[in-house]
Amino acid sequence: MGFRNTDLRQLPRPGACAAAAALVVAGLLAGCGGGGGGGGGGGGGFPIVGGPPPVVNPPTDGGSGGGGLVPSSEVAGLCAAPRRGINPETGSAYPDTAGTVDNEKTWVRSWIDETYLWYNEVPATLKAADYATPVAFFNVLKTPATTAPSGRAKDRFHYVYDTEVYRQLSNAGISPGYGIEFAFLRSSRPNRDLRVAFVEPHSSSPAAAQGIARGARILEIDGIDVLNSTNTTVINRGLSPQAAGEKHTFKLEQDGATRTLELTAANVTRTPVQNVKTIGDPGNRVGYLQFNDHITTSEAQLIAAVNQLKGDGIQDLVLDMRYNGGGQLNIASRLAYMVAGPSQTAGKTFELLSFNDKNPFRLTLAQALTPFLGTSRTNQPLPTLGLSRVTVLTSPDTCSASESVINSLRGIGVTVNLVGGTTCGKPYGFYPQDNCGTTYFAIQFKGVNQAGFGDYGDGFAPNANCTVADDFSHQLGDPAEARLAAALALRNAGACPVPTASAKAAPGTGLDKVEAAPEEEQPALLNRSPLRENRLIDLPPTAG
């Protein structure tokens, strides 16, 4: 499978993001691929299909000038510390054999040259001997280019993950936690502001059992002051339990009252679709749907939601993806189809993958194209709303496959209004590759819509005057919640309401991006596994 990812919070192996995993509370999240902006351009065009084998020509020392490297396949699995036993992913023995750190660095350099979207932009001055580990070498093997107009790094999504930990995260729809989605409204001292963005609503959620709700402010964790303490180790340990049964004490403020309670981590099943409702009278009805994760279980929930809204006779839809980091592209395609219907999607492209000129995975045009899928995984026809417009509630945490929904619908002429914050900006993706127990993620393709557009590296911005702060004083789906209220006003009056000074200063409503707060002070979700912030794509069996 291929994954399109925005950000990792905790890396078991050394890498560019390892320090950030231990310092999330210190406001250093943005430097590790989270938040906004990748970048467009480079190595692109539509996929080159049926081309010749890759030409690999960097030097044998792993630099970028003169000489030549062996193909990565010739040094793959030559490991300084070979794994033994059976790979649970394949049921076969690990392919590792005895090798050296230099073998691993050689593999990394060759693999980057063969598959990286912007392989020809990697600096020629980089030498493998200057880096102690293959991960350290990998971290610098990327384009130094920036995007316009933001000036941010074009490649902000280059990372590694421990292969076994990543396998467990990717294969399990269940993860240890409290059933809380945490969000920093302000991550730096003094007076940090850590909130509950939402709670999983079912019986397996410890937070729901304790009556914790959206907007609750976390004041202390295990006796450590969240607002001002420098002891980020204890705070992060409490925010990120590693196993079910782990206990931590939280002091929080909710509805004007302060209380202290113990939360015991459990294996929590996520509910990707929540708060499905219809607003308004017959003939003037707006559907609302909160969609948090493009995971397998979301398909049935989305189908049920669309059937419910269709039965209610809605005329418009507000799709709340403010916290949706992405996931399976096939889910995104089915959602877009259910919104638009067959007449607008017939014969149209949902997304086409654009590789570099080497076409490293030998994909044919058909393999690189994802259509609008009109049937479920069990080949049942999907219900449709047949809408010509939709309003999406967005934020910097709206990323990857969620952005594909926006881009694909716009590509076939559906009007997509955005209310909230600018999306993360990640039209890119990759097929993760394990070597010697480390899984490497390097951008290998860009996705484009029916109109051939995929250059949104700085994200999709809200409609004019529709930048609206996240409102933690109301529950999601409440028509009075600021972003939903603005979406309803946009539908009814043709414009979002202009925020008043008192609204900007109101406690509990988050940071107002109209005031251009620093990027590190933007609300940022925590504890998102790679499974939840990416684009998953099945690699065709004949590819590679």
Protein backbone atom coordinates (compact mmCIF):
# COMPACT_ATOMS: atom_id res chain seq x y z
CA MET A 1 0.00 0.00 0.00
CA GLY A 2 1.00 3.60 -0.50
CA PHE A 3 0.57 6.24 2.14
CA ARG A 4 0.24 9.97 1.80
CA ASN A 5 1.19 11.42 5.16
CA THR A 6 1.43 14.78 6.81
CA ASP A 7 3.05 14.33 10.12
CA LEU A 8 4.36 11.98 12.80
CA ARG A 9 4.48 12.79 16.49
CA GLN A 10 6.57 9.92 17.83
CA LEU A 11 9.33 8.15 15.94
CA PRO A 12 10.87 5.10 17.58
CA ARG A 13 13.99 5.41 15.42
CA PRO A 14 16.23 8.43 14.98
CA GLY A 15 15.17 10.85 12.28
CA ALA A 16 14.39 14.41 11.41
CA CYS A 17 11.21 14.33 13.50
CA ALA A 18 12.53 12.44 16.52
CA ALA A 19 13.18 15.52 18.60
CA ALA A 20 9.76 16.93 17.82
CA ALA A 21 8.09 13.78 19.11
CA ALA A 22 9.51 14.52 22.54
CA LEU A 23 8.71 18.21 22.36
CA VAL A 24 5.18 18.45 21.05
CA VAL A 25 4.15 20.53 24.03
CA ALA A 26 6.93 22.99 23.34
CA GLY A 27 5.26 24.09 20.14
CA LEU A 28 7.71 22.42 17.76
CA LEU A 29 5.18 20.37 15.81
CA ALA A 30 5.29 22.37 12.62
CA GLY A 31 8.91 21.57 11.79
CA CYS A 32 8.19 17.91 11.21
CA GLY A 33 5.74 17.87 8.35
CA GLY A 34 2.52 18.79 10.12
CA GLY A 35 0.33 21.75 9.40
CA GLY A 36 0.31 23.46 6.04
CA GLY A 37 2.15 23.67 2.85
CA GLY A 38 4.15 21.22 0.78
CA GLY A 39 4.72 22.62 -2.64
CA GLY A 40 4.00 22.10 -6.26
CA GLY A 41 6.14 21.51 -9.28
CA GLY A 42 9.18 19.37 -9.90
CA GLY A 43 9.57 16.03 -11.59
CA GLY A 44 5.92 16.07 -12.57
CA GLY A 45 3.61 15.86 -15.52
CA PHE A 46 1.22 13.00 -16.02
CA PRO A 47 2.59 9.51 -15.38
CA ILE A 48 5.10 8.27 -17.91
CA VAL A 49 3.82 4.78 -18.60
CA GLY A 50 5.69 1.82 -20.04
CA GLY A 51 9.04 3.63 -19.96
CA PRO A 52 12.53 2.11 -19.73
CA PRO A 53 14.04 0.94 -16.43
CA PRO A 54 15.30 3.73 -14.16
CA VAL A 55 18.74 5.14 -14.90
CA VAL A 56 20.69 5.19 -11.63
CA ASN A 57 23.75 7.37 -11.79
CA PRO A 58 24.82 8.90 -8.46
CA PRO A 59 28.33 8.00 -7.28
CA THR A 60 29.27 4.94 -5.26
CA ASP A 61 29.99 7.02 -2.13
CA GLY A 62 26.35 8.12 -1.98
CA GLY A 63 26.93 11.67 -3.16
CA SER A 64 25.39 13.28 -6.24
CA GLY A 65 28.16 13.94 -8.65
CA GLY A 66 30.13 11.58 -10.93
CA GLY A 67 30.29 7.79 -10.86
CA GLY A 68 27.29 5.54 -10.37
CA LEU A 69 25.38 3.56 -7.75
CA VAL A 70 24.24 0.00 -8.02
CA PRO A 71 20.47 -0.46 -8.25
CA SER A 72 18.87 -0.38 -4.81
CA SER A 73 17.67 -3.95 -5.32
CA GLU A 74 21.28 -5.18 -5.21
CA VAL A 75 21.89 -3.81 -1.71
CA ALA A 76 18.37 -4.14 -0.28
CA GLY A 77 18.30 -6.19 2.91
CA LEU A 78 22.04 -5.93 3.57
CA CYS A 79 21.71 -4.86 7.19
CA ALA A 80 24.05 -3.90 10.00
CA ALA A 81 21.62 -5.64 12.40
CA PRO A 82 19.63 -8.21 10.40
CA ARG A 83 16.18 -9.15 11.72
CA ARG A 84 15.56 -12.81 12.47
CA GLY A 85 12.37 -14.82 12.49
CA ILE A 86 9.11 -14.47 10.58
CA ASN A 87 7.75 -11.22 9.21
CA PRO A 88 4.12 -11.06 10.44
CA GLU A 89 3.21 -8.97 7.41
CA THR A 90 4.21 -11.64 4.89
CA GLY A 91 4.34 -14.88 6.90
CA SER A 92 7.84 -15.45 5.52
CA ALA A 93 11.29 -14.99 6.96
CA TYR A 94 12.68 -11.48 6.94
CA PRO A 95 14.81 -10.87 3.82
CA ASP A 96 17.67 -9.38 5.86
CA THR A 97 21.24 -10.66 5.55
CA ALA A 98 24.45 -9.54 7.21
CA GLY A 99 25.70 -6.22 5.89
CA THR A 100 26.95 -2.85 7.04
CA VAL A 101 25.72 0.64 7.78
CA ASP A 102 27.37 1.70 4.52
CA ASN A 103 25.26 -0.88 2.65
CA GLU A 104 22.14 0.64 4.16
CA LYS A 105 23.23 4.17 3.24
CA THR A 106 23.94 3.02 -0.30
CA TRP A 107 20.46 1.55 -0.52
CA VAL A 108 18.90 4.79 0.71
CA ARG A 109 20.76 6.89 -1.87
CA SER A 110 19.91 4.57 -4.75
CA TRP A 111 16.25 4.26 -3.73
CA ILE A 112 15.93 8.06 -3.55
CA ASP A 113 17.47 8.42 -7.00
CA GLU A 114 15.17 5.78 -8.44
CA THR A 115 11.84 6.83 -6.93
CA TYR A 116 11.88 10.34 -5.38
CA LEU A 117 9.61 12.75 -7.26
CA TRP A 118 12.26 15.46 -7.25
CA TYR A 119 15.33 13.19 -7.49
CA ASN A 120 17.08 15.68 -9.78
CA GLU A 121 16.80 18.44 -7.14
CA VAL A 122 18.71 16.59 -4.39
CA PRO A 123 21.91 18.61 -3.71
CA ALA A 124 25.05 17.28 -5.40
CA THR A 125 27.18 18.05 -2.35
CA LEU A 126 25.67 15.42 -0.03
CA LYS A 127 28.05 12.60 0.91
CA ALA A 128 27.10 9.42 2.74
CA ALA A 129 30.34 9.50 4.76
CA ASP A 130 29.21 12.72 6.43
CA TYR A 131 26.24 10.99 8.12
CA ALA A 132 26.47 8.39 10.86
CA THR A 133 23.32 6.43 10.05
CA PRO A 134 21.19 5.67 7.00
CA VAL A 135 18.31 7.58 8.61
CA ALA A 136 20.46 10.67 9.12
CA PHE A 137 21.53 10.45 5.47
CA PHE A 138 17.94 9.93 4.31
CA ASN A 139 16.80 13.01 6.21
CA VAL A 140 18.86 15.33 3.98
CA LEU A 141 18.22 13.55 0.68
CA LYS A 142 15.42 15.82 -0.47
CA THR A 143 14.86 18.96 -2.48
CA PRO A 144 15.85 22.23 -0.80
CA ALA A 145 13.34 24.17 -2.93
CA THR A 146 10.58 26.29 -1.43
CA THR A 147 7.08 27.12 -2.57
CA ALA A 148 5.64 30.40 -3.73
CA PRO A 149 4.18 32.49 -2.30
CA SER A 150 4.65 31.06 1.21
CA GLY A 151 8.39 30.37 1.01
CA ARG A 152 7.95 27.15 2.99
CA ALA A 153 9.89 24.00 2.18
CA LYS A 154 8.51 22.20 -0.85
CA ASP A 155 9.16 18.83 0.78
CA ARG A 156 7.97 18.88 4.39
CA PHE A 157 6.82 15.27 4.45
CA HIS A 158 10.07 13.25 4.41
CA TYR A 159 10.25 10.84 7.35
CA VAL A 160 10.90 7.35 8.70
CA TYR A 161 9.13 4.98 11.05
CA ASP A 162 10.07 1.78 12.83
CA THR A 163 8.72 -0.92 10.53
CA GLU A 164 7.10 -3.15 13.14
CA VAL A 165 5.49 -0.30 15.05
CA TYR A 166 4.27 1.14 11.77
CA ARG A 167 2.84 -2.23 10.74
CA GLN A 168 0.84 -2.46 13.96
CA LEU A 169 -0.47 1.08 13.58
CA SER A 170 -1.40 0.53 9.96
CA ASN A 171 -3.19 -2.77 10.41
CA ALA A 172 -5.15 -1.99 13.57
CA GLY A 173 -8.28 0.13 13.56
CA ILE A 174 -7.93 0.18 17.34
CA SER A 175 -5.29 2.07 19.30
CA PRO A 176 -4.60 2.68 22.99
CA GLY A 177 -5.90 5.97 24.29
CA TYR A 178 -8.69 7.72 26.14
CA GLY A 179 -11.02 8.33 23.21
CA ILE A 180 -9.95 11.98 23.14
CA GLU A 181 -8.71 14.05 20.23
CA PHE A 182 -6.45 16.64 21.83
CA ALA A 183 -5.71 20.01 20.24
CA PHE A 184 -3.26 22.74 21.19
CA LEU A 185 -4.74 26.16 20.63
CA ARG A 186 -1.50 27.62 21.89
CA SER A 187 1.47 25.31 22.36
CA SER A 188 4.19 27.62 23.69
CA ARG A 189 4.64 28.98 27.19
CA PRO A 190 3.35 30.89 29.03
CA ASN A 191 -0.29 29.94 29.38
CA ARG A 192 -0.45 27.07 26.91
CA ASP A 193 -3.95 26.14 25.87
CA LEU A 194 -4.60 22.40 25.44
CA ARG A 195 -8.20 21.43 24.67
CA VAL A 196 -10.37 18.44 23.95
CA ALA A 197 -11.34 18.73 20.27
CA PHE A 198 -13.82 15.85 20.42
CA VAL A 199 -14.47 12.60 22.23
CA GLU A 200 -15.26 9.18 20.82
CA PRO A 201 -18.90 8.77 21.79
CA HIS A 202 -19.16 5.05 22.53
CA SER A 203 -18.71 2.69 25.48
CA SER A 204 -15.06 1.87 24.76
CA SER A 205 -14.10 5.52 25.28
CA PRO A 206 -12.81 6.25 28.82
CA ALA A 207 -13.32 9.97 28.21
CA ALA A 208 -16.98 9.51 27.31
CA ALA A 209 -17.49 7.39 30.43
CA GLN A 210 -16.06 10.26 32.52
CA GLY A 211 -18.29 12.84 30.88
CA ILE A 212 -15.45 14.73 29.20
CA ALA A 213 -16.60 16.82 26.25
CA ARG A 214 -15.29 19.08 23.51
CA GLY A 215 -13.82 22.32 24.84
CA ALA A 216 -12.52 20.97 28.15
CA ARG A 217 -9.18 22.63 28.96
CA ILE A 218 -6.38 20.45 30.32
CA LEU A 219 -4.68 22.20 33.25
CA GLU A 220 -2.46 19.48 34.73
CA ILE A 221 -1.26 15.99 33.80
CA ASP A 222 0.13 13.79 36.58
CA GLY A 223 0.56 16.88 38.71
CA ILE A 224 2.52 18.81 36.09
CA ASP A 225 1.24 22.25 35.08
CA VAL A 226 0.37 22.03 31.37
CA LEU A 227 0.05 25.79 31.05
CA ASN A 228 3.60 26.75 32.00
CA SER A 229 5.78 23.75 32.88
CA THR A 230 8.96 22.84 31.00
CA ASN A 231 8.51 19.17 31.98
CA THR A 232 7.26 18.08 28.57
CA THR A 233 8.28 14.45 29.18
CA VAL A 234 5.58 13.84 31.78
CA ILE A 235 2.99 15.81 29.81
CA ASN A 236 3.65 13.91 26.60
CA ARG A 237 3.62 10.58 28.42
CA GLY A 238 0.15 11.37 29.71
CA LEU A 239 -1.10 12.55 26.32
CA SER A 240 0.25 9.50 24.51
CA PRO A 241 -0.36 6.29 26.49
CA GLN A 242 1.47 3.37 24.94
CA ALA A 243 -0.75 0.52 26.11
CA ALA A 244 -4.20 -0.25 27.43
CA GLY A 245 -4.31 -0.13 31.23
CA GLU A 246 -1.88 2.77 31.52
CA LYS A 247 -3.20 5.31 34.05
CA HIS A 248 -2.71 9.09 34.22
CA THR A 249 -4.26 11.84 36.30
CA PHE A 250 -5.79 14.86 34.59
CA LYS A 251 -6.95 18.15 36.03
CA LEU A 252 -9.30 19.89 33.64
CA GLU A 253 -11.68 22.78 33.39
CA GLN A 254 -15.05 22.19 31.77
CA ASP A 255 -18.23 24.27 31.79
CA GLY A 256 -16.72 26.65 34.35
CA ALA A 257 -15.88 23.89 36.84
CA THR A 258 -12.51 22.32 37.65
CA ARG A 259 -12.10 18.66 38.47
CA THR A 260 -9.34 16.07 38.78
CA LEU A 261 -9.81 12.52 37.52
CA GLU A 262 -7.86 9.44 36.57
CA LEU A 263 -8.03 8.18 33.01
CA THR A 264 -7.09 4.61 32.17
CA ALA A 265 -6.06 4.04 28.57
CA ALA A 266 -8.10 1.49 26.68
CA ASN A 267 -8.09 0.03 23.18
CA VAL A 268 -10.47 2.55 21.67
CA THR A 269 -12.30 1.97 18.40
CA ARG A 270 -12.63 5.17 16.45
CA THR A 271 -15.99 6.41 15.14
CA PRO A 272 -15.06 8.16 11.88
CA VAL A 273 -18.57 9.49 11.12
CA GLN A 274 -20.37 11.42 13.84
CA ASN A 275 -23.14 13.96 14.45
CA VAL A 276 -25.14 13.29 11.29
CA LYS A 277 -28.12 15.64 11.33
CA THR A 278 -30.49 17.71 9.24
CA ILE A 279 -30.95 21.43 9.90
CA GLY A 280 -33.93 23.46 8.69
CA ASP A 281 -37.49 22.96 7.51
CA PRO A 282 -38.69 20.79 4.60
CA GLY A 283 -37.70 22.37 1.29
CA ASN A 284 -34.85 24.25 2.93
CA ARG A 285 -32.82 21.54 4.59
CA VAL A 286 -29.08 21.37 5.11
CA GLY A 287 -27.36 18.14 6.05
CA TYR A 288 -24.39 18.12 8.43
CA LEU A 289 -21.85 15.33 8.59
CA GLN A 290 -18.71 15.20 10.74
CA PHE A 291 -16.12 13.00 9.04
CA ASN A 292 -12.88 12.35 10.92
CA ASP A 293 -11.05 9.43 9.27
CA HIS A 294 -10.83 7.79 5.84
CA ILE A 295 -10.55 4.33 7.39
CA THR A 296 -12.16 1.07 6.32
CA THR A 297 -14.98 1.24 8.88
CA SER A 298 -15.96 4.69 7.64
CA GLU A 299 -17.41 3.30 4.41
CA ALA A 300 -20.48 1.72 6.02
CA GLN A 301 -20.94 4.73 8.27
CA LEU A 302 -20.77 7.14 5.33
CA ILE A 303 -23.29 5.06 3.40
CA ALA A 304 -25.66 5.10 6.38
CA ALA A 305 -25.18 8.86 6.79
CA VAL A 306 -25.90 9.59 3.13
CA ASN A 307 -28.98 7.37 3.22
CA GLN A 308 -30.20 9.24 6.30
CA LEU A 309 -29.61 12.67 4.76
CA LYS A 310 -31.13 11.61 1.46
CA GLY A 311 -34.20 10.35 3.30
CA ASP A 312 -34.45 13.73 5.03
CA GLY A 313 -34.60 15.44 1.64
CA ILE A 314 -31.64 17.78 2.10
CA GLN A 315 -30.88 20.47 -0.48
CA ASP A 316 -27.32 21.23 0.70
CA LEU A 317 -24.55 19.57 2.67
CA VAL A 318 -21.99 20.81 5.19
CA LEU A 319 -19.16 18.28 5.34
CA ASP A 320 -17.04 18.82 8.47
CA MET A 321 -13.51 17.57 7.77
CA ARG A 322 -11.67 20.04 10.01
CA TYR A 323 -9.97 17.15 11.86
CA ASN A 324 -9.66 14.69 8.97
CA GLY A 325 -6.01 14.09 8.10
CA GLY A 326 -6.76 11.65 5.31
CA GLY A 327 -6.57 7.90 4.83
CA GLN A 328 -7.76 5.57 2.11
CA LEU A 329 -8.12 7.18 -1.30
CA ASN A 330 -10.86 4.73 -2.26
CA ILE A 331 -12.95 6.00 0.65
CA ALA A 332 -12.40 9.59 -0.52
CA SER A 333 -13.45 8.62 -4.03
CA ARG A 334 -16.64 6.94 -2.80
CA LEU A 335 -17.51 9.94 -0.62
CA ALA A 336 -17.07 12.34 -3.54
CA TYR A 337 -19.24 10.09 -5.71
CA MET A 338 -21.99 9.99 -3.09
CA VAL A 339 -21.96 13.78 -2.87
CA ALA A 340 -22.02 14.43 -6.63
CA GLY A 341 -23.87 11.41 -8.02
CA PRO A 342 -23.50 9.46 -11.26
CA SER A 343 -24.45 12.13 -13.78
CA GLN A 344 -21.60 14.44 -12.74
CA THR A 345 -18.95 11.75 -12.23
CA ALA A 346 -19.54 9.31 -15.11
CA GLY A 347 -16.32 8.68 -16.99
CA LYS A 348 -14.45 11.28 -14.91
CA THR A 349 -11.16 11.00 -13.05
CA PHE A 350 -11.17 11.29 -9.27
CA GLU A 351 -7.38 11.43 -9.13
CA LEU A 352 -4.48 10.60 -11.38
CA LEU A 353 -1.03 9.94 -9.92
CA SER A 354 1.80 11.88 -11.51
CA PHE A 355 5.31 10.41 -11.10
CA ASN A 356 8.77 11.52 -12.15
CA ASP A 357 10.07 10.84 -15.65
CA LYS A 358 11.39 7.40 -14.62
CA ASN A 359 7.92 6.04 -13.77
CA PRO A 360 9.62 4.05 -11.00
CA PHE A 361 6.73 1.70 -10.24
CA ARG A 362 5.98 0.90 -13.89
CA LEU A 363 2.34 1.87 -13.54
CA THR A 364 0.18 1.95 -16.61
CA LEU A 365 -2.18 4.86 -17.09
CA ALA A 366 -5.07 2.70 -15.89
CA GLN A 367 -3.17 1.72 -12.75
CA ALA A 368 -2.32 5.34 -11.97
CA LEU A 369 -5.93 6.49 -12.28
CA THR A 370 -8.55 6.38 -9.52
CA PRO A 371 -12.08 6.89 -10.88
CA PHE A 372 -15.10 8.06 -8.93
CA LEU A 373 -16.14 4.75 -7.40
CA GLY A 374 -19.89 4.13 -7.56
CA THR A 375 -19.99 0.85 -5.66
CA SER A 376 -18.95 -0.25 -2.18
CA ARG A 377 -16.18 -2.70 -1.37
CA THR A 378 -18.81 -5.42 -1.55
CA ASN A 379 -19.83 -4.18 -4.99
CA GLN A 380 -23.15 -2.71 -3.88
CA PRO A 381 -24.40 0.52 -5.53
CA LEU A 382 -23.73 3.58 -3.39
CA PRO A 383 -26.48 6.06 -2.45
CA THR A 384 -26.05 9.56 -3.86
CA LEU A 385 -27.13 13.09 -3.03
CA GLY A 386 -26.60 14.55 -6.51
CA LEU A 387 -25.46 17.93 -5.20
CA SER A 388 -23.92 20.62 -7.40
CA ARG A 389 -22.40 22.36 -4.38
CA VAL A 390 -21.09 21.43 -0.96
CA THR A 391 -19.57 23.39 1.92
CA VAL A 392 -16.55 21.86 3.66
CA LEU A 393 -15.38 22.94 7.12
CA THR A 394 -11.58 22.93 7.06
CA SER A 395 -8.44 23.61 9.08
CA PRO A 396 -4.68 22.98 8.81
CA ASP A 397 -5.51 19.43 9.95
CA THR A 398 -7.61 18.86 6.82
CA CYS A 399 -5.07 17.04 4.73
CA SER A 400 -4.18 14.59 2.01
CA ALA A 401 -7.14 12.36 1.06
CA SER A 402 -9.50 14.99 2.50
CA GLU A 403 -7.98 17.55 0.15
CA SER A 404 -8.49 15.05 -2.67
CA VAL A 405 -12.23 15.16 -2.02
CA ILE A 406 -12.17 18.95 -2.42
CA ASN A 407 -9.91 18.90 -5.46
CA SER A 408 -11.75 16.09 -7.24
CA LEU A 409 -15.17 17.68 -6.85
CA ARG A 410 -13.88 21.01 -8.11
CA GLY A 411 -12.31 19.17 -11.03
CA ILE A 412 -15.75 18.08 -12.29
CA GLY A 413 -17.41 21.45 -11.75
CA VAL A 414 -19.02 20.96 -8.33
CA THR A 415 -18.91 24.20 -6.31
CA VAL A 416 -16.94 23.52 -3.11
CA ASN A 417 -17.11 26.32 -0.56
CA LEU A 418 -14.59 26.28 2.28
CA VAL A 419 -15.15 27.70 5.76
CA GLY A 420 -12.62 27.62 8.60
CA GLY A 421 -8.87 27.53 8.01
CA THR A 422 -6.49 26.85 5.13
CA THR A 423 -5.92 23.14 4.56
CA CYS A 424 -2.53 21.51 5.06
CA GLY A 425 -1.46 21.50 1.40
CA LYS A 426 -0.39 17.97 0.51
CA PRO A 427 -1.08 16.84 -3.04
CA TYR A 428 1.78 14.35 -2.70
CA GLY A 429 2.12 10.73 -1.71
CA PHE A 430 4.44 7.79 -1.42
CA TYR A 431 4.73 4.05 -1.31
CA PRO A 432 6.50 3.33 2.00
CA GLN A 433 9.53 1.07 1.75
CA ASP A 434 10.99 -1.10 4.48
CA ASN A 435 14.72 -1.79 4.57
CA CYS A 436 16.42 -3.41 7.56
CA GLY A 437 13.61 -2.59 9.99
CA THR A 438 13.13 1.05 9.06
CA THR A 439 10.26 2.12 6.81
CA TYR A 440 11.16 5.11 4.66
CA PHE A 441 8.67 7.61 3.28
CA ALA A 442 9.80 9.86 0.44
CA ILE A 443 7.44 11.71 -1.90
CA GLN A 444 7.03 9.78 -5.11
CA PHE A 445 3.93 11.19 -6.79
CA LYS A 446 1.51 14.05 -7.00
CA GLY A 447 -2.25 13.62 -7.45
CA VAL A 448 -4.18 15.67 -10.03
CA ASN A 449 -7.91 15.95 -10.69
CA GLN A 450 -10.01 15.67 -13.86
CA ALA A 451 -8.89 19.16 -14.89
CA GLY A 452 -5.22 18.24 -14.41
CA PHE A 453 -4.82 20.39 -11.27
CA GLY A 454 -2.76 19.29 -8.28
CA ASP A 455 -0.62 22.29 -7.35
CA TYR A 456 -2.02 23.14 -3.94
CA GLY A 457 1.15 22.88 -1.90
CA ASP A 458 0.12 25.90 0.17
CA GLY A 459 -3.31 24.42 0.84
CA PHE A 460 -6.84 25.37 -0.09
CA ALA A 461 -7.87 28.68 1.47
CA PRO A 462 -11.38 29.39 2.77
CA ASN A 463 -13.79 31.51 0.75
CA ALA A 464 -13.41 35.28 1.05
CA ASN A 465 -14.14 36.41 4.62
CA CYS A 466 -14.83 32.80 5.64
CA THR A 467 -11.70 32.26 7.73
CA VAL A 468 -13.30 31.31 11.04
CA ALA A 469 -11.61 30.21 14.25
CA ASP A 470 -12.37 26.81 15.71
CA ASP A 471 -15.09 27.30 18.30
CA PHE A 472 -14.45 25.18 21.38
CA SER A 473 -17.33 26.72 23.30
CA HIS A 474 -19.90 24.77 21.24
CA GLN A 475 -20.19 21.11 20.38
CA LEU A 476 -19.56 19.96 16.83
CA GLY A 477 -22.79 19.92 14.84
CA ASP A 478 -24.37 22.68 16.93
CA PRO A 479 -25.74 25.26 14.45
CA ALA A 480 -24.35 27.94 16.79
CA GLU A 481 -20.77 26.58 16.50
CA ALA A 482 -18.81 29.31 14.72
CA ARG A 483 -17.73 27.43 11.61
CA LEU A 484 -21.07 25.71 11.06
CA ALA A 485 -22.89 28.99 11.73
CA ALA A 486 -20.72 30.73 9.13
CA ALA A 487 -21.42 27.94 6.62
CA LEU A 488 -25.17 28.32 7.16
CA ALA A 489 -24.86 32.10 6.78
CA LEU A 490 -22.87 31.62 3.56
CA ARG A 491 -25.67 29.45 2.19
CA ASN A 492 -28.47 31.78 3.23
CA ALA A 493 -26.89 35.19 2.62
CA GLY A 494 -24.15 34.41 0.11
CA ALA A 495 -21.39 35.56 2.49
CA CYS A 496 -19.84 34.61 5.81
CA PRO A 497 -20.53 36.99 8.70
CA VAL A 498 -17.76 39.45 9.51
CA PRO A 499 -16.25 38.55 12.91
CA THR A 500 -16.77 41.21 15.56
CA ALA A 501 -14.05 42.35 17.95
CA SER A 502 -15.89 40.72 20.84
CA ALA A 503 -16.13 37.44 18.96
CA LYS A 504 -12.41 37.46 18.29
CA ALA A 505 -11.67 37.98 21.95
CA ALA A 506 -14.27 35.54 23.29
CA PRO A 507 -12.74 32.93 25.59
CA GLY A 508 -12.82 29.34 24.48
CA THR A 509 -13.14 29.99 20.75
CA GLY A 510 -9.53 29.36 19.80
CA LEU A 511 -7.18 31.48 17.77
CA ASP A 512 -8.59 33.68 15.03
CA LYS A 513 -6.45 33.24 11.94
CA VAL A 514 -7.65 36.55 10.56
CA GLU A 515 -5.22 38.06 13.04
CA ALA A 516 -2.33 36.14 11.44
CA ALA A 517 -1.06 34.36 14.51
CA PRO A 518 2.35 32.66 14.08
CA GLU A 519 2.17 29.25 12.46
CA GLU A 520 3.33 27.46 15.59
CA GLU A 521 0.44 29.04 17.49
CA GLN A 522 -2.24 27.65 15.18
CA PRO A 523 -4.50 24.99 16.72
CA ALA A 524 -2.80 21.64 16.13
CA LEU A 525 -4.08 18.14 16.78
CA LEU A 526 -1.88 15.72 18.68
CA ASN A 527 -1.29 11.98 18.74
CA ARG A 528 -2.25 11.25 15.14
CA SER A 529 -0.86 7.95 13.91
CA PRO A 530 0.43 7.75 10.32
CA LEU A 531 -2.66 5.75 9.43
CA ARG A 532 -4.76 8.82 10.14
CA GLU A 533 -2.76 11.44 8.27
CA ASN A 534 -2.07 10.11 4.84
CA ARG A 535 -3.39 8.79 1.58
CA LEU A 536 -3.42 5.01 1.32
CA ILE A 537 -3.18 3.60 -2.17
CA ASP A 538 -3.03 -0.04 -3.17
CA LEU A 539 0.05 -0.68 -5.26
CA PRO A 540 -1.01 -2.84 -8.23
CA PRO A 541 0.42 -6.36 -8.00
CA THR A 542 2.20 -5.97 -11.34
CA ALA A 543 3.87 -2.72 -10.31
CA GLY A 544 7.31 -2.40 -8.75
